[in-house]
Amino acid sequence: MIPSSSSLLTITLTLLFISLSSHQAESISCDNVISFLSPCMSFMDDGKVSHSCCYGVKRIYKAVKSSNYDLRMTCSCLKQEAASYYALTADTVNTVTGKCRVKLPFEVTKNINCSKLTLR
């Protein structure tokens, strides 16, 4: 039996909806945050912020505005990286975001409680 065109349309729309839903459910990871910031590492050597660095910072900004989970995850990743990498300090992260003219909804500090952050 050959499916009717309305059955095919229903199946196609259902698959499209599932595909879009799963795409929207993706969240940021620490690997994403580190990858987005990797072009900024040259800032620690020469004090200059590149276009690709600011592009990564803007991608982080976009992610933190999408959900409380992404906001908290990004905060935790930045806090963790700033604590574990000698050249990447909280001040460095805050300086780079400022030079890229991006204001994150939190300031990276060693004492920030990322689990308390919420979108406004």
PDB file of N, CA and C in Angstrom:
ATOM      1  N   MET A   1       0.837  -1.184   0.000  1.00  0.00           N
ATOM      2  CA  MET A   1       0.000   0.000   0.000  1.00  0.00           C
ATOM      3  C   MET A   1       0.882   1.248   0.000  1.00  0.00           C
ATOM      4  N   ILE A   2       0.587   2.183  -0.844  1.00  0.00           N
ATOM      5  CA  ILE A   2       1.330   3.429  -0.951  1.00  0.00           C
ATOM      6  C   ILE A   2       0.705   4.439   0.007  1.00  0.00           C
ATOM      7  N   PRO A   3       1.555   5.071   0.870  1.00  0.00           N
ATOM      8  CA  PRO A   3       1.011   6.051   1.809  1.00  0.00           C
ATOM      9  C   PRO A   3       0.437   7.256   1.068  1.00  0.00           C
ATOM     10  N   SER A   4      -0.597   7.818   1.647  1.00  0.00           N
ATOM     11  CA  SER A   4      -1.215   9.004   1.046  1.00  0.00           C
ATOM     12  C   SER A   4      -0.305  10.215   1.251  1.00  0.00           C
ATOM     13  N   SER A   5      -0.539  11.247   0.485  1.00  0.00           N
ATOM     14  CA  SER A   5       0.282  12.453   0.604  1.00  0.00           C
ATOM     15  C   SER A   5       0.097  13.110   1.970  1.00  0.00           C
ATOM     16  N   SER A   6      -1.085  13.008   2.559  1.00  0.00           N
ATOM     17  CA  SER A   6      -1.290  13.590   3.884  1.00  0.00           C
ATOM     18  C   SER A   6      -0.518  12.811   4.948  1.00  0.00           C
ATOM     19  N   SER A   7      -0.390  11.484   4.774  1.00  0.00           N
ATOM     20  CA  SER A   7       0.402  10.678   5.704  1.00  0.00           C
ATOM     21  C   SER A   7       1.872  11.042   5.604  1.00  0.00           C
ATOM     22  N   LEU A   8       2.355  11.221   4.390  1.00  0.00           N
ATOM     23  CA  LEU A   8       3.750  11.612   4.191  1.00  0.00           C
ATOM     24  C   LEU A   8       4.020  12.997   4.780  1.00  0.00           C
ATOM     25  N   LEU A   9       3.082  13.898   4.608  1.00  0.00           N
ATOM     26  CA  LEU A   9       3.222  15.233   5.168  1.00  0.00           C
ATOM     27  C   LEU A   9       3.273  15.163   6.688  1.00  0.00           C
ATOM     28  N   THR A  10       2.416  14.375   7.294  1.00  0.00           N
ATOM     29  CA  THR A  10       2.395  14.215   8.747  1.00  0.00           C
ATOM     30  C   THR A  10       3.714  13.645   9.250  1.00  0.00           C
ATOM     31  N   ILE A  11       4.212  12.630   8.565  1.00  0.00           N
ATOM     32  CA  ILE A  11       5.482  12.012   8.960  1.00  0.00           C
ATOM     33  C   ILE A  11       6.626  13.021   8.815  1.00  0.00           C
ATOM     34  N   THR A  12       6.653  13.747   7.720  1.00  0.00           N
ATOM     35  CA  THR A  12       7.705  14.732   7.478  1.00  0.00           C
ATOM     36  C   THR A  12       7.685  15.822   8.540  1.00  0.00           C
ATOM     37  N   LEU A  13       6.505  16.346   8.847  1.00  0.00           N
ATOM     38  CA  LEU A  13       6.392  17.391   9.864  1.00  0.00           C
ATOM     39  C   LEU A  13       6.794  16.883  11.246  1.00  0.00           C
ATOM     40  N   THR A  14       6.430  15.640  11.548  1.00  0.00           N
ATOM     41  CA  THR A  14       6.803  15.060  12.836  1.00  0.00           C
ATOM     42  C   THR A  14       8.315  14.943  12.948  1.00  0.00           C
ATOM     43  N   LEU A  15       8.961  14.449  11.911  1.00  0.00           N
ATOM     44  CA  LEU A  15      10.421  14.319  11.918  1.00  0.00           C
ATOM     45  C   LEU A  15      11.100  15.685  12.008  1.00  0.00           C
ATOM     46  N   LEU A  16      10.569  16.672  11.312  1.00  0.00           N
ATOM     47  CA  LEU A  16      11.116  18.018  11.372  1.00  0.00           C
ATOM     48  C   LEU A  16      11.005  18.580  12.785  1.00  0.00           C
ATOM     49  N   PHE A  17       9.852  18.390  13.413  1.00  0.00           N
ATOM     50  CA  PHE A  17       9.635  18.876  14.776  1.00  0.00           C
ATOM     51  C   PHE A  17      10.613  18.211  15.746  1.00  0.00           C
ATOM     52  N   ILE A  18      10.791  16.907  15.614  1.00  0.00           N
ATOM     53  CA  ILE A  18      11.722  16.179  16.486  1.00  0.00           C
ATOM     54  C   ILE A  18      13.143  16.699  16.272  1.00  0.00           C
ATOM     55  N   SER A  19      13.521  16.926  15.041  1.00  0.00           N
ATOM     56  CA  SER A  19      14.850  17.429  14.721  1.00  0.00           C
ATOM     57  C   SER A  19      15.073  18.814  15.329  1.00  0.00           C
ATOM     58  N   LEU A  20      14.108  19.696  15.171  1.00  0.00           N
ATOM     59  CA  LEU A  20      14.225  21.046  15.730  1.00  0.00           C
ATOM     60  C   LEU A  20      14.230  21.020  17.246  1.00  0.00           C
ATOM     61  N   SER A  21      13.436  20.181  17.850  1.00  0.00           N
ATOM     62  CA  SER A  21      13.378  20.082  19.305  1.00  0.00           C
ATOM     63  C   SER A  21      14.705  19.613  19.865  1.00  0.00           C
ATOM     64  N   SER A  22      15.295  18.612  19.241  1.00  0.00           N
ATOM     65  CA  SER A  22      16.559  18.102  19.750  1.00  0.00           C
ATOM     66  C   SER A  22      17.665  19.127  19.555  1.00  0.00           C
ATOM     67  N   HIS A  23      17.611  19.911  18.484  1.00  0.00           N
ATOM     68  CA  HIS A  23      18.617  20.940  18.261  1.00  0.00           C
ATOM     69  C   HIS A  23      18.525  22.027  19.327  1.00  0.00           C
ATOM     70  N   GLN A  24      17.332  22.428  19.706  1.00  0.00           N
ATOM     71  CA  GLN A  24      17.145  23.461  20.710  1.00  0.00           C
ATOM     72  C   GLN A  24      17.523  22.974  22.096  1.00  0.00           C
ATOM     73  N   ALA A  25      17.520  21.671  22.315  1.00  0.00           N
ATOM     74  CA  ALA A  25      17.827  21.129  23.627  1.00  0.00           C
ATOM     75  C   ALA A  25      19.325  21.075  23.897  1.00  0.00           C
ATOM     76  N   GLU A  26      20.145  21.332  22.881  1.00  0.00           N
ATOM     77  CA  GLU A  26      21.581  21.313  23.073  1.00  0.00           C
ATOM     78  C   GLU A  26      21.981  22.417  24.035  1.00  0.00           C
ATOM     79  N   SER A  27      22.935  22.088  24.906  1.00  0.00           N
ATOM     80  CA  SER A  27      23.414  23.048  25.877  1.00  0.00           C
ATOM     81  C   SER A  27      24.909  23.240  25.712  1.00  0.00           C
ATOM     82  N   ILE A  28      25.394  24.301  26.304  1.00  0.00           N
ATOM     83  CA  ILE A  28      26.817  24.582  26.241  1.00  0.00           C
ATOM     84  C   ILE A  28      27.564  23.659  27.193  1.00  0.00           C
ATOM     85  N   SER A  29      28.778  23.354  26.851  1.00  0.00           N
ATOM     86  CA  SER A  29      29.633  22.535  27.708  1.00  0.00           C
ATOM     87  C   SER A  29      30.905  23.320  28.022  1.00  0.00           C
ATOM     88  N   CYS A  30      31.672  22.837  28.973  1.00  0.00           N
ATOM     89  CA  CYS A  30      32.954  23.480  29.269  1.00  0.00           C
ATOM     90  C   CYS A  30      33.874  23.427  28.057  1.00  0.00           C
ATOM     91  N   ASP A  31      33.807  22.347  27.320  1.00  0.00           N
ATOM     92  CA  ASP A  31      34.618  22.251  26.101  1.00  0.00           C
ATOM     93  C   ASP A  31      34.260  23.364  25.127  1.00  0.00           C
ATOM     94  N   ASN A  32      32.949  23.674  25.009  1.00  0.00           N
ATOM     95  CA  ASN A  32      32.526  24.781  24.142  1.00  0.00           C
ATOM     96  C   ASN A  32      33.100  26.105  24.640  1.00  0.00           C
ATOM     97  N   VAL A  33      32.982  26.342  25.933  1.00  0.00           N
ATOM     98  CA  VAL A  33      33.464  27.600  26.518  1.00  0.00           C
ATOM     99  C   VAL A  33      34.958  27.761  26.254  1.00  0.00           C
ATOM    100  N   ILE A  34      35.716  26.701  26.507  1.00  0.00           N
ATOM    101  CA  ILE A  34      37.166  26.748  26.298  1.00  0.00           C
ATOM    102  C   ILE A  34      37.483  26.969  24.817  1.00  0.00           C
ATOM    103  N   SER A  35      36.757  26.284  23.959  1.00  0.00           N
ATOM    104  CA  SER A  35      36.962  26.437  22.524  1.00  0.00           C
ATOM    105  C   SER A  35      36.653  27.865  22.073  1.00  0.00           C
ATOM    106  N   PHE A  36      35.562  28.430  22.578  1.00  0.00           N
ATOM    107  CA  PHE A  36      35.186  29.797  22.211  1.00  0.00           C
ATOM    108  C   PHE A  36      36.246  30.802  22.664  1.00  0.00           C
ATOM    109  N   LEU A  37      36.875  30.522  23.815  1.00  0.00           N
ATOM    110  CA  LEU A  37      37.861  31.456  24.361  1.00  0.00           C
ATOM    111  C   LEU A  37      39.288  31.211  23.872  1.00  0.00           C
ATOM    112  N   SER A  38      39.520  30.099  23.219  1.00  0.00           N
ATOM    113  CA  SER A  38      40.901  29.783  22.826  1.00  0.00           C
ATOM    114  C   SER A  38      41.565  30.875  21.977  1.00  0.00           C
ATOM    115  N   PRO A  39      40.840  31.568  21.094  1.00  0.00           N
ATOM    116  CA  PRO A  39      41.504  32.646  20.348  1.00  0.00           C
ATOM    117  C   PRO A  39      41.918  33.824  21.240  1.00  0.00           C
ATOM    118  N   CYS A  40      41.441  33.853  22.471  1.00  0.00           N
ATOM    119  CA  CYS A  40      41.756  34.958  23.385  1.00  0.00           C
ATOM    120  C   CYS A  40      43.070  34.740  24.129  1.00  0.00           C
ATOM    121  N   MET A  41      43.666  33.568  23.994  1.00  0.00           N
ATOM    122  CA  MET A  41      44.888  33.279  24.738  1.00  0.00           C
ATOM    123  C   MET A  41      46.028  34.214  24.334  1.00  0.00           C
ATOM    124  N   SER A  42      46.013  34.702  23.101  1.00  0.00           N
ATOM    125  CA  SER A  42      47.069  35.630  22.673  1.00  0.00           C
ATOM    126  C   SER A  42      47.002  36.942  23.460  1.00  0.00           C
ATOM    127  N   PHE A  43      45.843  37.270  24.017  1.00  0.00           N
ATOM    128  CA  PHE A  43      45.693  38.482  24.825  1.00  0.00           C
ATOM    129  C   PHE A  43      46.671  38.475  25.989  1.00  0.00           C
ATOM    130  N   MET A  44      46.915  37.292  26.544  1.00  0.00           N
ATOM    131  CA  MET A  44      47.813  37.203  27.692  1.00  0.00           C
ATOM    132  C   MET A  44      49.262  37.454  27.297  1.00  0.00           C
ATOM    133  N   ASP A  45      49.582  37.301  26.013  1.00  0.00           N
ATOM    134  CA  ASP A  45      50.938  37.555  25.538  1.00  0.00           C
ATOM    135  C   ASP A  45      51.134  38.994  25.087  1.00  0.00           C
ATOM    136  N   ASP A  46      50.177  39.497  24.293  1.00  0.00           N
ATOM    137  CA  ASP A  46      50.392  40.810  23.690  1.00  0.00           C
ATOM    138  C   ASP A  46      49.372  41.879  24.103  1.00  0.00           C
ATOM    139  N   GLY A  47      48.378  41.503  24.906  1.00  0.00           N
ATOM    140  CA  GLY A  47      47.403  42.487  25.380  1.00  0.00           C
ATOM    141  C   GLY A  47      46.405  42.939  24.331  1.00  0.00           C
ATOM    142  N   LYS A  48      46.416  42.273  23.178  1.00  0.00           N
ATOM    143  CA  LYS A  48      45.489  42.645  22.102  1.00  0.00           C
ATOM    144  C   LYS A  48      44.379  41.610  21.999  1.00  0.00           C
ATOM    145  N   VAL A  49      43.179  42.105  21.762  1.00  0.00           N
ATOM    146  CA  VAL A  49      42.018  41.230  21.605  1.00  0.00           C
ATOM    147  C   VAL A  49      41.686  41.141  20.115  1.00  0.00           C
ATOM    148  N   SER A  50      41.741  39.934  19.593  1.00  0.00           N
ATOM    149  CA  SER A  50      41.495  39.729  18.165  1.00  0.00           C
ATOM    150  C   SER A  50      39.998  39.657  17.860  1.00  0.00           C
ATOM    151  N   HIS A  51      39.691  39.772  16.583  1.00  0.00           N
ATOM    152  CA  HIS A  51      38.308  39.647  16.125  1.00  0.00           C
ATOM    153  C   HIS A  51      37.761  38.253  16.478  1.00  0.00           C
ATOM    154  N   SER A  52      38.583  37.217  16.270  1.00  0.00           N
ATOM    155  CA  SER A  52      38.128  35.854  16.569  1.00  0.00           C
ATOM    156  C   SER A  52      37.915  35.641  18.063  1.00  0.00           C
ATOM    157  N   CYS A  53      38.690  36.320  18.879  1.00  0.00           N
ATOM    158  CA  CYS A  53      38.473  36.266  20.330  1.00  0.00           C
ATOM    159  C   CYS A  53      37.102  36.853  20.668  1.00  0.00           C
ATOM    160  N   CYS A  54      36.822  38.030  20.152  1.00  0.00           N
ATOM    161  CA  CYS A  54      35.536  38.682  20.442  1.00  0.00           C
ATOM    162  C   CYS A  54      34.366  37.878  19.881  1.00  0.00           C
ATOM    163  N   TYR A  55      34.572  37.234  18.751  1.00  0.00           N
ATOM    164  CA  TYR A  55      33.531  36.368  18.202  1.00  0.00           C
ATOM    165  C   TYR A  55      33.216  35.245  19.190  1.00  0.00           C
ATOM    166  N   GLY A  56      34.247  34.638  19.768  1.00  0.00           N
ATOM    167  CA  GLY A  56      34.046  33.587  20.767  1.00  0.00           C
ATOM    168  C   GLY A  56      33.351  34.102  22.017  1.00  0.00           C
ATOM    169  N   VAL A  57      33.750  35.292  22.465  1.00  0.00           N
ATOM    170  CA  VAL A  57      33.116  35.904  23.639  1.00  0.00           C
ATOM    171  C   VAL A  57      31.636  36.158  23.356  1.00  0.00           C
ATOM    172  N   LYS A  58      31.322  36.607  22.163  1.00  0.00           N
ATOM    173  CA  LYS A  58      29.919  36.868  21.799  1.00  0.00           C
ATOM    174  C   LYS A  58      29.120  35.574  21.717  1.00  0.00           C
ATOM    175  N   ARG A  59      29.761  34.501  21.312  1.00  0.00           N
ATOM    176  CA  ARG A  59      29.077  33.197  21.298  1.00  0.00           C
ATOM    177  C   ARG A  59      28.776  32.743  22.725  1.00  0.00           C
ATOM    178  N   ILE A  60      29.699  33.002  23.634  1.00  0.00           N
ATOM    179  CA  ILE A  60      29.456  32.674  25.043  1.00  0.00           C
ATOM    180  C   ILE A  60      28.295  33.506  25.571  1.00  0.00           C
ATOM    181  N   TYR A  61      28.307  34.796  25.246  1.00  0.00           N
ATOM    182  CA  TYR A  61      27.228  35.677  25.689  1.00  0.00           C
ATOM    183  C   TYR A  61      25.874  35.175  25.195  1.00  0.00           C
ATOM    184  N   LYS A  62      25.827  34.776  23.938  1.00  0.00           N
ATOM    185  CA  LYS A  62      24.575  34.257  23.375  1.00  0.00           C
ATOM    186  C   LYS A  62      24.127  32.999  24.121  1.00  0.00           C
ATOM    187  N   ALA A  63      25.071  32.144  24.449  1.00  0.00           N
ATOM    188  CA  ALA A  63      24.737  30.903  25.154  1.00  0.00           C
ATOM    189  C   ALA A  63      24.214  31.165  26.558  1.00  0.00           C
ATOM    190  N   VAL A  64      24.826  32.094  27.282  1.00  0.00           N
ATOM    191  CA  VAL A  64      24.388  32.329  28.659  1.00  0.00           C
ATOM    192  C   VAL A  64      23.011  32.969  28.724  1.00  0.00           C
ATOM    193  N   LYS A  65      22.578  33.572  27.638  1.00  0.00           N
ATOM    194  CA  LYS A  65      21.247  34.179  27.613  1.00  0.00           C
ATOM    195  C   LYS A  65      20.155  33.177  27.268  1.00  0.00           C
ATOM    196  N   SER A  66      20.527  31.922  26.944  1.00  0.00           N
ATOM    197  CA  SER A  66      19.537  30.957  26.467  1.00  0.00           C
ATOM    198  C   SER A  66      18.839  30.185  27.577  1.00  0.00           C
ATOM    199  N   SER A  67      19.523  29.929  28.681  1.00  0.00           N
ATOM    200  CA  SER A  67      18.884  29.177  29.773  1.00  0.00           C
ATOM    201  C   SER A  67      19.680  29.348  31.058  1.00  0.00           C
ATOM    202  N   ASN A  68      19.028  29.106  32.184  1.00  0.00           N
ATOM    203  CA  ASN A  68      19.722  29.154  33.472  1.00  0.00           C
ATOM    204  C   ASN A  68      20.822  28.100  33.533  1.00  0.00           C
ATOM    205  N   TYR A  69      20.573  26.937  32.936  1.00  0.00           N
ATOM    206  CA  TYR A  69      21.589  25.887  32.924  1.00  0.00           C
ATOM    207  C   TYR A  69      22.850  26.376  32.210  1.00  0.00           C
ATOM    208  N   ASP A  70      22.683  26.962  31.023  1.00  0.00           N
ATOM    209  CA  ASP A  70      23.830  27.441  30.268  1.00  0.00           C
ATOM    210  C   ASP A  70      24.539  28.585  30.987  1.00  0.00           C
ATOM    211  N   LEU A  71      23.783  29.438  31.636  1.00  0.00           N
ATOM    212  CA  LEU A  71      24.355  30.529  32.420  1.00  0.00           C
ATOM    213  C   LEU A  71      25.242  29.968  33.524  1.00  0.00           C
ATOM    214  N   ARG A  72      24.712  29.019  34.284  1.00  0.00           N
ATOM    215  CA  ARG A  72      25.461  28.439  35.409  1.00  0.00           C
ATOM    216  C   ARG A  72      26.644  27.613  34.933  1.00  0.00           C
ATOM    217  N   MET A  73      26.453  26.871  33.848  1.00  0.00           N
ATOM    218  CA  MET A  73      27.538  26.045  33.308  1.00  0.00           C
ATOM    219  C   MET A  73      28.686  26.928  32.836  1.00  0.00           C
ATOM    220  N   THR A  74      28.375  27.991  32.115  1.00  0.00           N
ATOM    221  CA  THR A  74      29.404  28.902  31.623  1.00  0.00           C
ATOM    222  C   THR A  74      30.136  29.553  32.783  1.00  0.00           C
ATOM    223  N   CYS A  75      29.404  30.009  33.767  1.00  0.00           N
ATOM    224  CA  CYS A  75      30.004  30.614  34.951  1.00  0.00           C
ATOM    225  C   CYS A  75      30.961  29.633  35.626  1.00  0.00           C
ATOM    226  N   SER A  76      30.506  28.408  35.834  1.00  0.00           N
ATOM    227  CA  SER A  76      31.340  27.389  36.487  1.00  0.00           C
ATOM    228  C   SER A  76      32.600  27.093  35.676  1.00  0.00           C
ATOM    229  N   CYS A  77      32.455  27.003  34.376  1.00  0.00           N
ATOM    230  CA  CYS A  77      33.609  26.732  33.514  1.00  0.00           C
ATOM    231  C   CYS A  77      34.622  27.864  33.578  1.00  0.00           C
ATOM    232  N   LEU A  78      34.142  29.093  33.471  1.00  0.00           N
ATOM    233  CA  LEU A  78      35.046  30.244  33.523  1.00  0.00           C
ATOM    234  C   LEU A  78      35.728  30.340  34.879  1.00  0.00           C
ATOM    235  N   LYS A  79      34.979  30.107  35.928  1.00  0.00           N
ATOM    236  CA  LYS A  79      35.538  30.146  37.280  1.00  0.00           C
ATOM    237  C   LYS A  79      36.607  29.055  37.444  1.00  0.00           C
ATOM    238  N   GLN A  80      36.292  27.871  36.982  1.00  0.00           N
ATOM    239  CA  GLN A  80      37.221  26.740  37.077  1.00  0.00           C
ATOM    240  C   GLN A  80      38.489  27.000  36.267  1.00  0.00           C
ATOM    241  N   GLU A  81      38.324  27.486  35.044  1.00  0.00           N
ATOM    242  CA  GLU A  81      39.484  27.759  34.195  1.00  0.00           C
ATOM    243  C   GLU A  81      40.344  28.879  34.779  1.00  0.00           C
ATOM    244  N   ALA A  82      39.694  29.902  35.307  1.00  0.00           N
ATOM    245  CA  ALA A  82      40.438  31.019  35.891  1.00  0.00           C
ATOM    246  C   ALA A  82      41.219  30.576  37.129  1.00  0.00           C
ATOM    247  N   ALA A  83      40.704  29.575  37.836  1.00  0.00           N
ATOM    248  CA  ALA A  83      41.384  29.083  39.034  1.00  0.00           C
ATOM    249  C   ALA A  83      42.516  28.109  38.700  1.00  0.00           C
ATOM    250  N   SER A  84      42.411  27.427  37.567  1.00  0.00           N
ATOM    251  CA  SER A  84      43.376  26.372  37.281  1.00  0.00           C
ATOM    252  C   SER A  84      44.470  26.749  36.280  1.00  0.00           C
ATOM    253  N   TYR A  85      44.289  27.826  35.564  1.00  0.00           N
ATOM    254  CA  TYR A  85      45.265  28.217  34.545  1.00  0.00           C
ATOM    255  C   TYR A  85      45.929  29.500  35.011  1.00  0.00           C
ATOM    256  N   TYR A  86      47.226  29.438  35.281  1.00  0.00           N
ATOM    257  CA  TYR A  86      47.916  30.549  35.930  1.00  0.00           C
ATOM    258  C   TYR A  86      47.783  31.887  35.201  1.00  0.00           C
ATOM    259  N   ALA A  87      47.749  31.873  33.883  1.00  0.00           N
ATOM    260  CA  ALA A  87      47.706  33.128  33.136  1.00  0.00           C
ATOM    261  C   ALA A  87      46.282  33.627  32.896  1.00  0.00           C
ATOM    262  N   LEU A  88      45.325  32.730  33.029  1.00  0.00           N
ATOM    263  CA  LEU A  88      43.927  33.105  32.807  1.00  0.00           C
ATOM    264  C   LEU A  88      43.279  33.352  34.162  1.00  0.00           C
ATOM    265  N   THR A  89      43.238  34.600  34.547  1.00  0.00           N
ATOM    266  CA  THR A  89      42.654  34.953  35.834  1.00  0.00           C
ATOM    267  C   THR A  89      41.251  35.496  35.623  1.00  0.00           C
ATOM    268  N   ALA A  90      40.534  35.652  36.730  1.00  0.00           N
ATOM    269  CA  ALA A  90      39.197  36.249  36.654  1.00  0.00           C
ATOM    270  C   ALA A  90      39.291  37.649  36.055  1.00  0.00           C
ATOM    271  N   ASP A  91      40.324  38.404  36.448  1.00  0.00           N
ATOM    272  CA  ASP A  91      40.509  39.752  35.898  1.00  0.00           C
ATOM    273  C   ASP A  91      40.720  39.719  34.385  1.00  0.00           C
ATOM    274  N   THR A  92      41.472  38.716  33.914  1.00  0.00           N
ATOM    275  CA  THR A  92      41.715  38.589  32.478  1.00  0.00           C
ATOM    276  C   THR A  92      40.414  38.349  31.731  1.00  0.00           C
ATOM    277  N   VAL A  93      39.596  37.428  32.245  1.00  0.00           N
ATOM    278  CA  VAL A  93      38.307  37.129  31.603  1.00  0.00           C
ATOM    279  C   VAL A  93      37.452  38.385  31.562  1.00  0.00           C
ATOM    280  N   ASN A  94      37.368  39.095  32.669  1.00  0.00           N
ATOM    281  CA  ASN A  94      36.554  40.308  32.728  1.00  0.00           C
ATOM    282  C   ASN A  94      37.101  41.407  31.813  1.00  0.00           C
ATOM    283  N   THR A  95      38.423  41.518  31.714  1.00  0.00           N
ATOM    284  CA  THR A  95      39.036  42.507  30.820  1.00  0.00           C
ATOM    285  C   THR A  95      38.738  42.185  29.365  1.00  0.00           C
ATOM    286  N   VAL A  96      38.900  40.921  28.995  1.00  0.00           N
ATOM    287  CA  VAL A  96      38.651  40.516  27.599  1.00  0.00           C
ATOM    288  C   VAL A  96      37.195  40.769  27.219  1.00  0.00           C
ATOM    289  N   THR A  97      36.261  40.388  28.074  1.00  0.00           N
ATOM    290  CA  THR A  97      34.850  40.629  27.735  1.00  0.00           C
ATOM    291  C   THR A  97      34.582  42.125  27.588  1.00  0.00           C
ATOM    292  N   GLY A  98      35.198  42.918  28.437  1.00  0.00           N
ATOM    293  CA  GLY A  98      35.038  44.374  28.332  1.00  0.00           C
ATOM    294  C   GLY A  98      35.613  44.929  27.039  1.00  0.00           C
ATOM    295  N   LYS A  99      36.792  44.457  26.656  1.00  0.00           N
ATOM    296  CA  LYS A  99      37.409  44.919  25.411  1.00  0.00           C
ATOM    297  C   LYS A  99      36.595  44.497  24.187  1.00  0.00           C
ATOM    298  N   CYS A 100      35.854  43.405  24.325  1.00  0.00           N
ATOM    299  CA  CYS A 100      34.978  42.946  23.231  1.00  0.00           C
ATOM    300  C   CYS A 100      33.605  43.608  23.292  1.00  0.00           C
ATOM    301  N   ARG A 101      33.437  44.498  24.260  1.00  0.00           N
ATOM    302  CA  ARG A 101      32.170  45.221  24.467  1.00  0.00           C
ATOM    303  C   ARG A 101      31.001  44.275  24.702  1.00  0.00           C
ATOM    304  N   VAL A 102      31.278  43.261  25.505  1.00  0.00           N
ATOM    305  CA  VAL A 102      30.256  42.295  25.892  1.00  0.00           C
ATOM    306  C   VAL A 102      30.173  42.313  27.409  1.00  0.00           C
ATOM    307  N   LYS A 103      28.973  42.451  27.911  1.00  0.00           N
ATOM    308  CA  LYS A 103      28.771  42.434  29.364  1.00  0.00           C
ATOM    309  C   LYS A 103      28.051  41.146  29.723  1.00  0.00           C
ATOM    310  N   LEU A 104      28.811  40.216  30.292  1.00  0.00           N
ATOM    311  CA  LEU A 104      28.185  38.985  30.768  1.00  0.00           C
ATOM    312  C   LEU A 104      27.273  39.319  31.936  1.00  0.00           C
ATOM    313  N   PRO A 105      26.254  38.507  32.187  1.00  0.00           N
ATOM    314  CA  PRO A 105      25.335  38.793  33.290  1.00  0.00           C
ATOM    315  C   PRO A 105      25.932  38.464  34.659  1.00  0.00           C
ATOM    316  N   PHE A 106      27.238  38.240  34.716  1.00  0.00           N
ATOM    317  CA  PHE A 106      27.940  38.004  35.977  1.00  0.00           C
ATOM    318  C   PHE A 106      29.383  38.421  35.784  1.00  0.00           C
ATOM    319  N   GLU A 107      30.048  38.739  36.868  1.00  0.00           N
ATOM    320  CA  GLU A 107      31.475  39.020  36.823  1.00  0.00           C
ATOM    321  C   GLU A 107      32.196  37.804  37.361  1.00  0.00           C
ATOM    322  N   VAL A 108      33.207  37.369  36.660  1.00  0.00           N
ATOM    323  CA  VAL A 108      33.957  36.192  37.100  1.00  0.00           C
ATOM    324  C   VAL A 108      34.819  36.595  38.291  1.00  0.00           C
ATOM    325  N   THR A 109      34.603  35.908  39.394  1.00  0.00           N
ATOM    326  CA  THR A 109      35.428  36.068  40.591  1.00  0.00           C
ATOM    327  C   THR A 109      35.683  34.683  41.170  1.00  0.00           C
ATOM    328  N   LYS A 110      36.686  34.582  42.026  1.00  0.00           N
ATOM    329  CA  LYS A 110      36.977  33.265  42.605  1.00  0.00           C
ATOM    330  C   LYS A 110      35.905  32.835  43.595  1.00  0.00           C
ATOM    331  N   ASN A 111      35.109  33.766  44.089  1.00  0.00           N
ATOM    332  CA  ASN A 111      34.089  33.442  45.087  1.00  0.00           C
ATOM    333  C   ASN A 111      32.659  33.420  44.553  1.00  0.00           C
ATOM    334  N   ILE A 112      32.478  33.602  43.270  1.00  0.00           N
ATOM    335  CA  ILE A 112      31.109  33.639  42.732  1.00  0.00           C
ATOM    336  C   ILE A 112      30.429  32.284  42.931  1.00  0.00           C
ATOM    337  N   ASN A 113      29.174  32.337  43.335  1.00  0.00           N
ATOM    338  CA  ASN A 113      28.374  31.121  43.491  1.00  0.00           C
ATOM    339  C   ASN A 113      27.531  30.970  42.232  1.00  0.00           C
ATOM    340  N   CYS A 114      28.053  30.234  41.286  1.00  0.00           N
ATOM    341  CA  CYS A 114      27.405  30.100  39.978  1.00  0.00           C
ATOM    342  C   CYS A 114      26.030  29.449  40.076  1.00  0.00           C
ATOM    343  N   SER A 115      25.826  28.601  41.064  1.00  0.00           N
ATOM    344  CA  SER A 115      24.553  27.893  41.185  1.00  0.00           C
ATOM    345  C   SER A 115      23.401  28.829  41.552  1.00  0.00           C
ATOM    346  N   LYS A 116      23.702  30.029  42.008  1.00  0.00           N
ATOM    347  CA  LYS A 116      22.672  30.993  42.390  1.00  0.00           C
ATOM    348  C   LYS A 116      22.273  31.926  41.261  1.00  0.00           C
ATOM    349  N   LEU A 117      22.989  31.879  40.143  1.00  0.00           N
ATOM    350  CA  LEU A 117      22.694  32.787  39.031  1.00  0.00           C
ATOM    351  C   LEU A 117      21.388  32.392  38.332  1.00  0.00           C
ATOM    352  N   THR A 118      20.635  33.395  37.926  1.00  0.00           N
ATOM    353  CA  THR A 118      19.421  33.167  37.150  1.00  0.00           C
ATOM    354  C   THR A 118      19.306  34.248  36.080  1.00  0.00           C
ATOM    355  N   LEU A 119      18.639  33.893  35.014  1.00  0.00           N
ATOM    356  CA  LEU A 119      18.359  34.874  33.970  1.00  0.00           C
ATOM    357  C   LEU A 119      17.357  35.878  34.486  1.00  0.00           C
ATOM    358  N   ARG A 120      17.449  37.083  34.036  1.00  0.00           N
ATOM    359  CA  ARG A 120      16.505  38.114  34.502  1.00  0.00           C
ATOM    360  C   ARG A 120      15.457  38.362  33.485  1.00  0.00           C
TER     361      ARG A 120
END
